[in-house]
Amino acid sequence: MSIFGKKTEDKKTAATVKAVSSGTVKTVKAGEGKTLEGVVVSTKMKDTVVVRVDRFVKVPKYERFIKVSKRYKAHDAGNMRKEGDKVTIIETRPISRGKNFIVSNS
């Protein structure tokens, strides 16, 4: 919708994700950043998991698809997830140098 040439967003009911770490509660709206699904591949760090996200990319020359994987560090308060679990991660503000995602509760 536009009012006087400016675009305004319709109010959406965005689900929130709460992560508890060191006594503080962080609330992130689901619509604010990227939402990715992947598999936990490492749980060796404190309050952090490494999630592998797979996607398919088309190679135009051969008209075939190849699987490309990328690993993301995500905040997991209390190390609740185990290796092999399917999780959803949501982009948030930087938590540390390489950690910009949190694990969703669902």
PDB file of N, CA and C in Angstrom:
ATOM      1  N   MET A   1       0.851  -1.166   0.000  1.00  0.00           N
ATOM      2  CA  MET A   1       0.000   0.000   0.000  1.00  0.00           C
ATOM      3  C   MET A   1       0.898   1.231   0.000  1.00  0.00           C
ATOM      4  N   SER A   2       0.479   2.257  -0.682  1.00  0.00           N
ATOM      5  CA  SER A   2       1.314   3.450  -0.711  1.00  0.00           C
ATOM      6  C   SER A   2       0.505   4.673  -0.300  1.00  0.00           C
ATOM      7  N   ILE A   3       1.138   5.511   0.495  1.00  0.00           N
ATOM      8  CA  ILE A   3       0.530   6.756   0.943  1.00  0.00           C
ATOM      9  C   ILE A   3       1.498   7.874   0.580  1.00  0.00           C
ATOM     10  N   PHE A   4       1.054   8.790  -0.260  1.00  0.00           N
ATOM     11  CA  PHE A   4       1.878   9.917  -0.705  1.00  0.00           C
ATOM     12  C   PHE A   4       3.207   9.457  -1.304  1.00  0.00           C
ATOM     13  N   GLY A   5       3.173   8.394  -2.089  1.00  0.00           N
ATOM     14  CA  GLY A   5       4.375   7.936  -2.780  1.00  0.00           C
ATOM     15  C   GLY A   5       5.312   7.109  -1.927  1.00  0.00           C
ATOM     16  N   LYS A   6       5.015   6.900  -0.638  1.00  0.00           N
ATOM     17  CA  LYS A   6       5.878   6.088   0.214  1.00  0.00           C
ATOM     18  C   LYS A   6       5.237   4.729   0.416  1.00  0.00           C
ATOM     19  N   LYS A   7       6.057   3.713   0.342  1.00  0.00           N
ATOM     20  CA  LYS A   7       5.541   2.367   0.536  1.00  0.00           C
ATOM     21  C   LYS A   7       5.450   2.070   2.030  1.00  0.00           C
ATOM     22  N   THR A   8       4.353   1.519   2.426  1.00  0.00           N
ATOM     23  CA  THR A   8       4.194   1.098   3.815  1.00  0.00           C
ATOM     24  C   THR A   8       3.911  -0.391   3.831  1.00  0.00           C
ATOM     25  N   GLU A   9       4.415  -1.067   4.835  1.00  0.00           N
ATOM     26  CA  GLU A   9       4.232  -2.506   4.929  1.00  0.00           C
ATOM     27  C   GLU A   9       2.939  -2.826   5.656  1.00  0.00           C
ATOM     28  N   ASP A  10       2.272  -3.850   5.189  1.00  0.00           N
ATOM     29  CA  ASP A  10       1.108  -4.342   5.913  1.00  0.00           C
ATOM     30  C   ASP A  10       1.601  -5.049   7.161  1.00  0.00           C
ATOM     31  N   LYS A  11       0.860  -4.917   8.237  1.00  0.00           N
ATOM     32  CA  LYS A  11       1.283  -5.545   9.475  1.00  0.00           C
ATOM     33  C   LYS A  11       1.061  -7.046   9.379  1.00  0.00           C
ATOM     34  N   LYS A  12       2.131  -7.778   9.583  1.00  0.00           N
ATOM     35  CA  LYS A  12       2.065  -9.230   9.515  1.00  0.00           C
ATOM     36  C   LYS A  12       2.218  -9.782  10.918  1.00  0.00           C
ATOM     37  N   THR A  13       1.615 -10.896  11.143  1.00  0.00           N
ATOM     38  CA  THR A  13       1.809 -11.560  12.423  1.00  0.00           C
ATOM     39  C   THR A  13       2.980 -12.507  12.243  1.00  0.00           C
ATOM     40  N   ALA A  14       4.127 -12.077  12.691  1.00  0.00           N
ATOM     41  CA  ALA A  14       5.337 -12.868  12.539  1.00  0.00           C
ATOM     42  C   ALA A  14       5.566 -13.702  13.785  1.00  0.00           C
ATOM     43  N   ALA A  15       5.910 -14.940  13.559  1.00  0.00           N
ATOM     44  CA  ALA A  15       6.220 -15.814  14.692  1.00  0.00           C
ATOM     45  C   ALA A  15       7.542 -15.365  15.299  1.00  0.00           C
ATOM     46  N   THR A  16       7.675 -15.540  16.589  1.00  0.00           N
ATOM     47  CA  THR A  16       8.907 -15.149  17.255  1.00  0.00           C
ATOM     48  C   THR A  16       9.617 -16.373  17.791  1.00  0.00           C
ATOM     49  N   VAL A  17      10.920 -16.263  17.867  1.00  0.00           N
ATOM     50  CA  VAL A  17      11.759 -17.331  18.374  1.00  0.00           C
ATOM     51  C   VAL A  17      12.496 -16.787  19.576  1.00  0.00           C
ATOM     52  N   LYS A  18      12.468 -17.525  20.667  1.00  0.00           N
ATOM     53  CA  LYS A  18      13.163 -17.076  21.861  1.00  0.00           C
ATOM     54  C   LYS A  18      14.327 -18.003  22.143  1.00  0.00           C
ATOM     55  N   ALA A  19      15.497 -17.418  22.362  1.00  0.00           N
ATOM     56  CA  ALA A  19      16.678 -18.183  22.734  1.00  0.00           C
ATOM     57  C   ALA A  19      17.171 -17.644  24.066  1.00  0.00           C
ATOM     58  N   VAL A  20      17.347 -18.517  25.023  1.00  0.00           N
ATOM     59  CA  VAL A  20      17.783 -18.090  26.347  1.00  0.00           C
ATOM     60  C   VAL A  20      19.263 -18.391  26.463  1.00  0.00           C
ATOM     61  N   SER A  21      20.060 -17.353  26.742  1.00  0.00           N
ATOM     62  CA  SER A  21      21.483 -17.564  26.948  1.00  0.00           C
ATOM     63  C   SER A  21      21.965 -16.601  28.016  1.00  0.00           C
ATOM     64  N   SER A  22      22.647 -17.116  28.960  1.00  0.00           N
ATOM     65  CA  SER A  22      23.242 -16.362  30.068  1.00  0.00           C
ATOM     66  C   SER A  22      22.245 -15.417  30.729  1.00  0.00           C
ATOM     67  N   GLY A  23      21.028 -15.918  30.959  1.00  0.00           N
ATOM     68  CA  GLY A  23      20.034 -15.155  31.693  1.00  0.00           C
ATOM     69  C   GLY A  23      19.264 -14.128  30.892  1.00  0.00           C
ATOM     70  N   THR A  24      19.562 -13.943  29.615  1.00  0.00           N
ATOM     71  CA  THR A  24      18.828 -12.977  28.806  1.00  0.00           C
ATOM     72  C   THR A  24      17.975 -13.712  27.783  1.00  0.00           C
ATOM     73  N   VAL A  25      16.884 -13.119  27.402  1.00  0.00           N
ATOM     74  CA  VAL A  25      16.001 -13.708  26.404  1.00  0.00           C
ATOM     75  C   VAL A  25      16.081 -12.860  25.148  1.00  0.00           C
ATOM     76  N   LYS A  26      16.394 -13.494  24.016  1.00  0.00           N
ATOM     77  CA  LYS A  26      16.457 -12.793  22.735  1.00  0.00           C
ATOM     78  C   LYS A  26      15.207 -13.150  21.948  1.00  0.00           C
ATOM     79  N   THR A  27      14.534 -12.174  21.410  1.00  0.00           N
ATOM     80  CA  THR A  27      13.346 -12.414  20.608  1.00  0.00           C
ATOM     81  C   THR A  27      13.637 -11.955  19.183  1.00  0.00           C
ATOM     82  N   VAL A  28      13.403 -12.835  18.233  1.00  0.00           N
ATOM     83  CA  VAL A  28      13.681 -12.543  16.830  1.00  0.00           C
ATOM     84  C   VAL A  28      12.409 -12.784  16.047  1.00  0.00           C
ATOM     85  N   LYS A  29      12.026 -11.837  15.229  1.00  0.00           N
ATOM     86  CA  LYS A  29      10.874 -12.021  14.358  1.00  0.00           C
ATOM     87  C   LYS A  29      11.285 -12.903  13.188  1.00  0.00           C
ATOM     88  N   ALA A  30      10.421 -13.813  12.823  1.00  0.00           N
ATOM     89  CA  ALA A  30      10.750 -14.777  11.781  1.00  0.00           C
ATOM     90  C   ALA A  30      10.919 -14.121  10.420  1.00  0.00           C
ATOM     91  N   GLY A  31      10.273 -13.002  10.157  1.00  0.00           N
ATOM     92  CA  GLY A  31      10.331 -12.376   8.850  1.00  0.00           C
ATOM     93  C   GLY A  31      11.495 -11.424   8.648  1.00  0.00           C
ATOM     94  N   GLU A  32      12.360 -11.250   9.641  1.00  0.00           N
ATOM     95  CA  GLU A  32      13.408 -10.242   9.548  1.00  0.00           C
ATOM     96  C   GLU A  32      14.651 -10.701   8.809  1.00  0.00           C
ATOM     97  N   GLY A  33      14.955 -11.977   8.798  1.00  0.00           N
ATOM     98  CA  GLY A  33      16.179 -12.454   8.161  1.00  0.00           C
ATOM     99  C   GLY A  33      15.941 -13.745   7.413  1.00  0.00           C
ATOM    100  N   LYS A  34      17.029 -14.345   6.959  1.00  0.00           N
ATOM    101  CA  LYS A  34      16.929 -15.597   6.239  1.00  0.00           C
ATOM    102  C   LYS A  34      16.501 -16.709   7.185  1.00  0.00           C
ATOM    103  N   THR A  35      15.719 -17.605   6.680  1.00  0.00           N
ATOM    104  CA  THR A  35      15.338 -18.808   7.405  1.00  0.00           C
ATOM    105  C   THR A  35      15.813 -19.991   6.572  1.00  0.00           C
ATOM    106  N   LEU A  36      16.674 -20.813   7.152  1.00  0.00           N
ATOM    107  CA  LEU A  36      17.260 -21.934   6.431  1.00  0.00           C
ATOM    108  C   LEU A  36      17.005 -23.226   7.186  1.00  0.00           C
ATOM    109  N   GLU A  37      16.954 -24.333   6.454  1.00  0.00           N
ATOM    110  CA  GLU A  37      16.782 -25.650   7.064  1.00  0.00           C
ATOM    111  C   GLU A  37      17.999 -26.489   6.736  1.00  0.00           C
ATOM    112  N   GLY A  38      18.451 -27.233   7.738  1.00  0.00           N
ATOM    113  CA  GLY A  38      19.629 -28.056   7.521  1.00  0.00           C
ATOM    114  C   GLY A  38      19.768 -29.129   8.580  1.00  0.00           C
ATOM    115  N   VAL A  39      20.937 -29.774   8.583  1.00  0.00           N
ATOM    116  CA  VAL A  39      21.225 -30.879   9.491  1.00  0.00           C
ATOM    117  C   VAL A  39      22.400 -30.493  10.380  1.00  0.00           C
ATOM    118  N   VAL A  40      22.289 -30.794  11.674  1.00  0.00           N
ATOM    119  CA  VAL A  40      23.382 -30.510  12.608  1.00  0.00           C
ATOM    120  C   VAL A  40      24.512 -31.492  12.334  1.00  0.00           C
ATOM    121  N   VAL A  41      25.727 -30.960  12.110  1.00  0.00           N
ATOM    122  CA  VAL A  41      26.877 -31.815  11.830  1.00  0.00           C
ATOM    123  C   VAL A  41      27.926 -31.769  12.935  1.00  0.00           C
ATOM    124  N   SER A  42      27.871 -30.775  13.826  1.00  0.00           N
ATOM    125  CA  SER A  42      28.849 -30.689  14.905  1.00  0.00           C
ATOM    126  C   SER A  42      28.235 -29.985  16.106  1.00  0.00           C
ATOM    127  N   THR A  43      28.532 -30.521  17.306  1.00  0.00           N
ATOM    128  CA  THR A  43      28.055 -29.919  18.550  1.00  0.00           C
ATOM    129  C   THR A  43      29.196 -29.763  19.542  1.00  0.00           C
ATOM    130  N   LYS A  44      30.413 -29.598  19.073  1.00  0.00           N
ATOM    131  CA  LYS A  44      31.591 -29.604  19.935  1.00  0.00           C
ATOM    132  C   LYS A  44      31.823 -28.298  20.682  1.00  0.00           C
ATOM    133  N   MET A  45      31.190 -27.209  20.259  1.00  0.00           N
ATOM    134  CA  MET A  45      31.385 -25.914  20.909  1.00  0.00           C
ATOM    135  C   MET A  45      30.276 -25.651  21.918  1.00  0.00           C
ATOM    136  N   LYS A  46      30.574 -24.810  22.894  1.00  0.00           N
ATOM    137  CA  LYS A  46      29.592 -24.469  23.913  1.00  0.00           C
ATOM    138  C   LYS A  46      28.531 -23.547  23.311  1.00  0.00           C
ATOM    139  N   ASP A  47      27.266 -23.907  23.479  1.00  0.00           N
ATOM    140  CA  ASP A  47      26.115 -23.128  23.004  1.00  0.00           C
ATOM    141  C   ASP A  47      26.151 -22.831  21.507  1.00  0.00           C
ATOM    142  N   THR A  48      26.835 -23.671  20.738  1.00  0.00           N
ATOM    143  CA  THR A  48      26.935 -23.467  19.292  1.00  0.00           C
ATOM    144  C   THR A  48      26.829 -24.804  18.589  1.00  0.00           C
ATOM    145  N   VAL A  49      26.097 -24.822  17.481  1.00  0.00           N
ATOM    146  CA  VAL A  49      26.049 -26.002  16.615  1.00  0.00           C
ATOM    147  C   VAL A  49      26.438 -25.563  15.212  1.00  0.00           C
ATOM    148  N   VAL A  50      26.968 -26.510  14.446  1.00  0.00           N
ATOM    149  CA  VAL A  50      27.275 -26.262  13.042  1.00  0.00           C
ATOM    150  C   VAL A  50      26.214 -26.976  12.223  1.00  0.00           C
ATOM    151  N   VAL A  51      25.545 -26.219  11.361  1.00  0.00           N
ATOM    152  CA  VAL A  51      24.434 -26.742  10.566  1.00  0.00           C
ATOM    153  C   VAL A  51      24.835 -26.738   9.103  1.00  0.00           C
ATOM    154  N   ARG A  52      24.660 -27.894   8.438  1.00  0.00           N
ATOM    155  CA  ARG A  52      24.943 -27.990   7.002  1.00  0.00           C
ATOM    156  C   ARG A  52      23.647 -27.772   6.238  1.00  0.00           C
ATOM    157  N   VAL A  53      23.652 -26.779   5.350  1.00  0.00           N
ATOM    158  CA  VAL A  53      22.484 -26.456   4.537  1.00  0.00           C
ATOM    159  C   VAL A  53      22.801 -26.835   3.094  1.00  0.00           C
ATOM    160  N   ASP A  54      21.972 -27.708   2.516  1.00  0.00           N
ATOM    161  CA  ASP A  54      22.152 -28.149   1.133  1.00  0.00           C
ATOM    162  C   ASP A  54      21.195 -27.411   0.218  1.00  0.00           C
ATOM    163  N   ARG A  55      21.657 -27.127  -0.997  1.00  0.00           N
ATOM    164  CA  ARG A  55      20.792 -26.526  -2.000  1.00  0.00           C
ATOM    165  C   ARG A  55      21.231 -27.035  -3.361  1.00  0.00           C
ATOM    166  N   PHE A  56      20.334 -26.970  -4.339  1.00  0.00           N
ATOM    167  CA  PHE A  56      20.635 -27.429  -5.684  1.00  0.00           C
ATOM    168  C   PHE A  56      20.851 -26.221  -6.595  1.00  0.00           C
ATOM    169  N   VAL A  57      21.927 -26.282  -7.372  1.00  0.00           N
ATOM    170  CA  VAL A  57      22.281 -25.206  -8.296  1.00  0.00           C
ATOM    171  C   VAL A  57      22.331 -25.786  -9.702  1.00  0.00           C
ATOM    172  N   LYS A  58      21.712 -25.086 -10.647  1.00  0.00           N
ATOM    173  CA  LYS A  58      21.710 -25.564 -12.024  1.00  0.00           C
ATOM    174  C   LYS A  58      22.996 -25.149 -12.733  1.00  0.00           C
ATOM    175  N   VAL A  59      23.593 -26.088 -13.447  1.00  0.00           N
ATOM    176  CA  VAL A  59      24.761 -25.809 -14.276  1.00  0.00           C
ATOM    177  C   VAL A  59      24.244 -25.586 -15.691  1.00  0.00           C
ATOM    178  N   PRO A  60      24.286 -24.327 -16.164  1.00  0.00           N
ATOM    179  CA  PRO A  60      23.657 -24.025 -17.461  1.00  0.00           C
ATOM    180  C   PRO A  60      24.265 -24.801 -18.640  1.00  0.00           C
ATOM    181  N   LYS A  61      25.569 -25.010 -18.616  1.00  0.00           N
ATOM    182  CA  LYS A  61      26.219 -25.669 -19.745  1.00  0.00           C
ATOM    183  C   LYS A  61      25.705 -27.094 -19.947  1.00  0.00           C
ATOM    184  N   TYR A  62      25.531 -27.816 -18.854  1.00  0.00           N
ATOM    185  CA  TYR A  62      25.123 -29.216 -18.944  1.00  0.00           C
ATOM    186  C   TYR A  62      23.645 -29.437 -18.642  1.00  0.00           C
ATOM    187  N   GLU A  63      22.938 -28.374 -18.267  1.00  0.00           N
ATOM    188  CA  GLU A  63      21.528 -28.449 -17.929  1.00  0.00           C
ATOM    189  C   GLU A  63      21.259 -29.533 -16.889  1.00  0.00           C
ATOM    190  N   ARG A  64      22.107 -29.570 -15.885  1.00  0.00           N
ATOM    191  CA  ARG A  64      21.971 -30.507 -14.777  1.00  0.00           C
ATOM    192  C   ARG A  64      22.024 -29.726 -13.475  1.00  0.00           C
ATOM    193  N   PHE A  65      21.624 -30.382 -12.398  1.00  0.00           N
ATOM    194  CA  PHE A  65      21.676 -29.770 -11.079  1.00  0.00           C
ATOM    195  C   PHE A  65      22.744 -30.457 -10.245  1.00  0.00           C
ATOM    196  N   ILE A  66      23.468 -29.656  -9.459  1.00  0.00           N
ATOM    197  CA  ILE A  66      24.435 -30.216  -8.521  1.00  0.00           C
ATOM    198  C   ILE A  66      24.066 -29.752  -7.119  1.00  0.00           C
ATOM    199  N   LYS A  67      24.435 -30.573  -6.139  1.00  0.00           N
ATOM    200  CA  LYS A  67      24.137 -30.236  -4.748  1.00  0.00           C
ATOM    201  C   LYS A  67      25.314 -29.468  -4.173  1.00  0.00           C
ATOM    202  N   VAL A  68      25.022 -28.285  -3.610  1.00  0.00           N
ATOM    203  CA  VAL A  68      26.033 -27.444  -3.000  1.00  0.00           C
ATOM    204  C   VAL A  68      25.696 -27.329  -1.515  1.00  0.00           C
ATOM    205  N   SER A  69      26.703 -27.521  -0.663  1.00  0.00           N
ATOM    206  CA  SER A  69      26.493 -27.451   0.779  1.00  0.00           C
ATOM    207  C   SER A  69      27.250 -26.275   1.364  1.00  0.00           C
ATOM    208  N   LYS A  70      26.697 -25.708   2.421  1.00  0.00           N
ATOM    209  CA  LYS A  70      27.366 -24.640   3.149  1.00  0.00           C
ATOM    210  C   LYS A  70      27.116 -24.874   4.626  1.00  0.00           C
ATOM    211  N   ARG A  71      28.123 -24.573   5.448  1.00  0.00           N
ATOM    212  CA  ARG A  71      28.018 -24.787   6.886  1.00  0.00           C
ATOM    213  C   ARG A  71      27.863 -23.455   7.600  1.00  0.00           C
ATOM    214  N   TYR A  72      26.896 -23.387   8.490  1.00  0.00           N
ATOM    215  CA  TYR A  72      26.633 -22.181   9.267  1.00  0.00           C
ATOM    216  C   TYR A  72      26.762 -22.506  10.747  1.00  0.00           C
ATOM    217  N   LYS A  73      27.351 -21.595  11.511  1.00  0.00           N
ATOM    218  CA  LYS A  73      27.357 -21.717  12.962  1.00  0.00           C
ATOM    219  C   LYS A  73      26.092 -21.049  13.482  1.00  0.00           C
ATOM    220  N   ALA A  74      25.414 -21.728  14.406  1.00  0.00           N
ATOM    221  CA  ALA A  74      24.166 -21.202  14.943  1.00  0.00           C
ATOM    222  C   ALA A  74      24.176 -21.330  16.453  1.00  0.00           C
ATOM    223  N   HIS A  75      23.543 -20.369  17.127  1.00  0.00           N
ATOM    224  CA  HIS A  75      23.466 -20.364  18.584  1.00  0.00           C
ATOM    225  C   HIS A  75      22.398 -21.351  19.042  1.00  0.00           C
ATOM    226  N   ASP A  76      22.796 -22.258  19.933  1.00  0.00           N
ATOM    227  CA  ASP A  76      21.886 -23.252  20.491  1.00  0.00           C
ATOM    228  C   ASP A  76      22.075 -23.248  22.000  1.00  0.00           C
ATOM    229  N   ALA A  77      21.257 -22.464  22.709  1.00  0.00           N
ATOM    230  CA  ALA A  77      21.411 -22.315  24.156  1.00  0.00           C
ATOM    231  C   ALA A  77      21.207 -23.656  24.844  1.00  0.00           C
ATOM    232  N   GLY A  78      22.178 -24.044  25.639  1.00  0.00           N
ATOM    233  CA  GLY A  78      22.078 -25.284  26.392  1.00  0.00           C
ATOM    234  C   GLY A  78      22.452 -26.533  25.623  1.00  0.00           C
ATOM    235  N   ASN A  79      22.925 -26.393  24.396  1.00  0.00           N
ATOM    236  CA  ASN A  79      23.291 -27.542  23.549  1.00  0.00           C
ATOM    237  C   ASN A  79      22.205 -28.616  23.539  1.00  0.00           C
ATOM    238  N   MET A  80      21.000 -28.219  23.161  1.00  0.00           N
ATOM    239  CA  MET A  80      19.857 -29.126  23.156  1.00  0.00           C
ATOM    240  C   MET A  80      19.855 -30.056  21.936  1.00  0.00           C
ATOM    241  N   ARG A  81      20.492 -29.678  20.836  1.00  0.00           N
ATOM    242  CA  ARG A  81      20.440 -30.461  19.602  1.00  0.00           C
ATOM    243  C   ARG A  81      21.605 -31.445  19.555  1.00  0.00           C
ATOM    244  N   LYS A  82      21.379 -32.556  18.867  1.00  0.00           N
ATOM    245  CA  LYS A  82      22.397 -33.590  18.684  1.00  0.00           C
ATOM    246  C   LYS A  82      22.740 -33.684  17.200  1.00  0.00           C
ATOM    247  N   GLU A  83      23.867 -34.306  16.902  1.00  0.00           N
ATOM    248  CA  GLU A  83      24.273 -34.476  15.510  1.00  0.00           C
ATOM    249  C   GLU A  83      23.241 -35.310  14.766  1.00  0.00           C
ATOM    250  N   GLY A  84      22.905 -34.885  13.552  1.00  0.00           N
ATOM    251  CA  GLY A  84      21.926 -35.582  12.737  1.00  0.00           C
ATOM    252  C   GLY A  84      20.520 -35.022  12.836  1.00  0.00           C
ATOM    253  N   ASP A  85      20.262 -34.121  13.795  1.00  0.00           N
ATOM    254  CA  ASP A  85      18.933 -33.520  13.927  1.00  0.00           C
ATOM    255  C   ASP A  85      18.670 -32.543  12.785  1.00  0.00           C
ATOM    256  N   LYS A  86      17.453 -32.536  12.275  1.00  0.00           N
ATOM    257  CA  LYS A  86      17.050 -31.533  11.290  1.00  0.00           C
ATOM    258  C   LYS A  86      16.565 -30.312  12.048  1.00  0.00           C
ATOM    259  N   VAL A  87      17.101 -29.138  11.710  1.00  0.00           N
ATOM    260  CA  VAL A  87      16.763 -27.907  12.428  1.00  0.00           C
ATOM    261  C   VAL A  87      16.489 -26.786  11.438  1.00  0.00           C
ATOM    262  N   THR A  88      15.830 -25.756  11.943  1.00  0.00           N
ATOM    263  CA  THR A  88      15.613 -24.523  11.205  1.00  0.00           C
ATOM    264  C   THR A  88      16.403 -23.431  11.904  1.00  0.00           C
ATOM    265  N   ILE A  89      17.182 -22.675  11.137  1.00  0.00           N
ATOM    266  CA  ILE A  89      17.961 -21.582  11.719  1.00  0.00           C
ATOM    267  C   ILE A  89      17.478 -20.262  11.143  1.00  0.00           C
ATOM    268  N   ILE A  90      17.525 -19.221  11.968  1.00  0.00           N
ATOM    269  CA  ILE A  90      17.035 -17.897  11.585  1.00  0.00           C
ATOM    270  C   ILE A  90      18.161 -16.890  11.750  1.00  0.00           C
ATOM    271  N   GLU A  91      18.341 -16.046  10.751  1.00  0.00           N
ATOM    272  CA  GLU A  91      19.387 -15.031  10.784  1.00  0.00           C
ATOM    273  C   GLU A  91      19.050 -13.965  11.826  1.00  0.00           C
ATOM    274  N   THR A  92      20.063 -13.517  12.549  1.00  0.00           N
ATOM    275  CA  THR A  92      19.889 -12.509  13.582  1.00  0.00           C
ATOM    276  C   THR A  92      21.119 -11.609  13.597  1.00  0.00           C
ATOM    277  N   ARG A  93      21.187 -10.736  14.574  1.00  0.00           N
ATOM    278  CA  ARG A  93      22.364  -9.872  14.692  1.00  0.00           C
ATOM    279  C   ARG A  93      23.591 -10.733  14.982  1.00  0.00           C
ATOM    280  N   PRO A  94      24.805 -10.251  14.696  1.00  0.00           N
ATOM    281  CA  PRO A  94      25.995 -11.047  14.980  1.00  0.00           C
ATOM    282  C   PRO A  94      26.126 -11.358  16.473  1.00  0.00           C
ATOM    283  N   ILE A  95      26.281 -12.630  16.791  1.00  0.00           N
ATOM    284  CA  ILE A  95      26.465 -13.061  18.168  1.00  0.00           C
ATOM    285  C   ILE A  95      27.950 -13.162  18.472  1.00  0.00           C
ATOM    286  N   SER A  96      28.729 -13.595  17.503  1.00  0.00           N
ATOM    287  CA  SER A  96      30.181 -13.613  17.604  1.00  0.00           C
ATOM    288  C   SER A  96      30.728 -13.414  16.199  1.00  0.00           C
ATOM    289  N   ARG A  97      32.031 -13.586  16.021  1.00  0.00           N
ATOM    290  CA  ARG A  97      32.634 -13.293  14.726  1.00  0.00           C
ATOM    291  C   ARG A  97      32.029 -14.121  13.594  1.00  0.00           C
ATOM    292  N   GLY A  98      31.754 -15.394  13.839  1.00  0.00           N
ATOM    293  CA  GLY A  98      31.252 -16.233  12.764  1.00  0.00           C
ATOM    294  C   GLY A  98      29.854 -16.763  12.989  1.00  0.00           C
ATOM    295  N   LYS A  99      29.154 -16.246  13.984  1.00  0.00           N
ATOM    296  CA  LYS A  99      27.842 -16.797  14.345  1.00  0.00           C
ATOM    297  C   LYS A  99      26.773 -15.722  14.195  1.00  0.00           C
ATOM    298  N   ASN A 100      25.931 -15.867  13.149  1.00  0.00           N
ATOM    299  CA  ASN A 100      24.880 -14.901  12.854  1.00  0.00           C
ATOM    300  C   ASN A 100      23.491 -15.526  12.825  1.00  0.00           C
ATOM    301  N   PHE A 101      23.360 -16.770  13.283  1.00  0.00           N
ATOM    302  CA  PHE A 101      22.087 -17.477  13.250  1.00  0.00           C
ATOM    303  C   PHE A 101      21.761 -18.034  14.628  1.00  0.00           C
ATOM    304  N   ILE A 102      20.463 -18.240  14.882  1.00  0.00           N
ATOM    305  CA  ILE A 102      20.039 -18.965  16.076  1.00  0.00           C
ATOM    306  C   ILE A 102      19.150 -20.116  15.631  1.00  0.00           C
ATOM    307  N   VAL A 103      19.130 -21.167  16.448  1.00  0.00           N
ATOM    308  CA  VAL A 103      18.329 -22.339  16.139  1.00  0.00           C
ATOM    309  C   VAL A 103      16.902 -22.069  16.598  1.00  0.00           C
ATOM    310  N   SER A 104      15.950 -22.345  15.718  1.00  0.00           N
ATOM    311  CA  SER A 104      14.539 -22.138  16.037  1.00  0.00           C
ATOM    312  C   SER A 104      14.064 -23.207  17.013  1.00  0.00           C
ATOM    313  N   ASN A 105      13.064 -22.878  17.819  1.00  0.00           N
ATOM    314  CA  ASN A 105      12.526 -23.828  18.786  1.00  0.00           C
ATOM    315  C   ASN A 105      11.682 -24.913  18.143  1.00  0.00           C
ATOM    316  N   SER A 106      11.142 -24.657  16.970  1.00  0.00           N
ATOM    317  CA  SER A 106      10.253 -25.642  16.345  1.00  0.00           C
ATOM    318  C   SER A 106      11.024 -26.737  15.648  1.00  0.00           C
TER     319      SER A 106
END
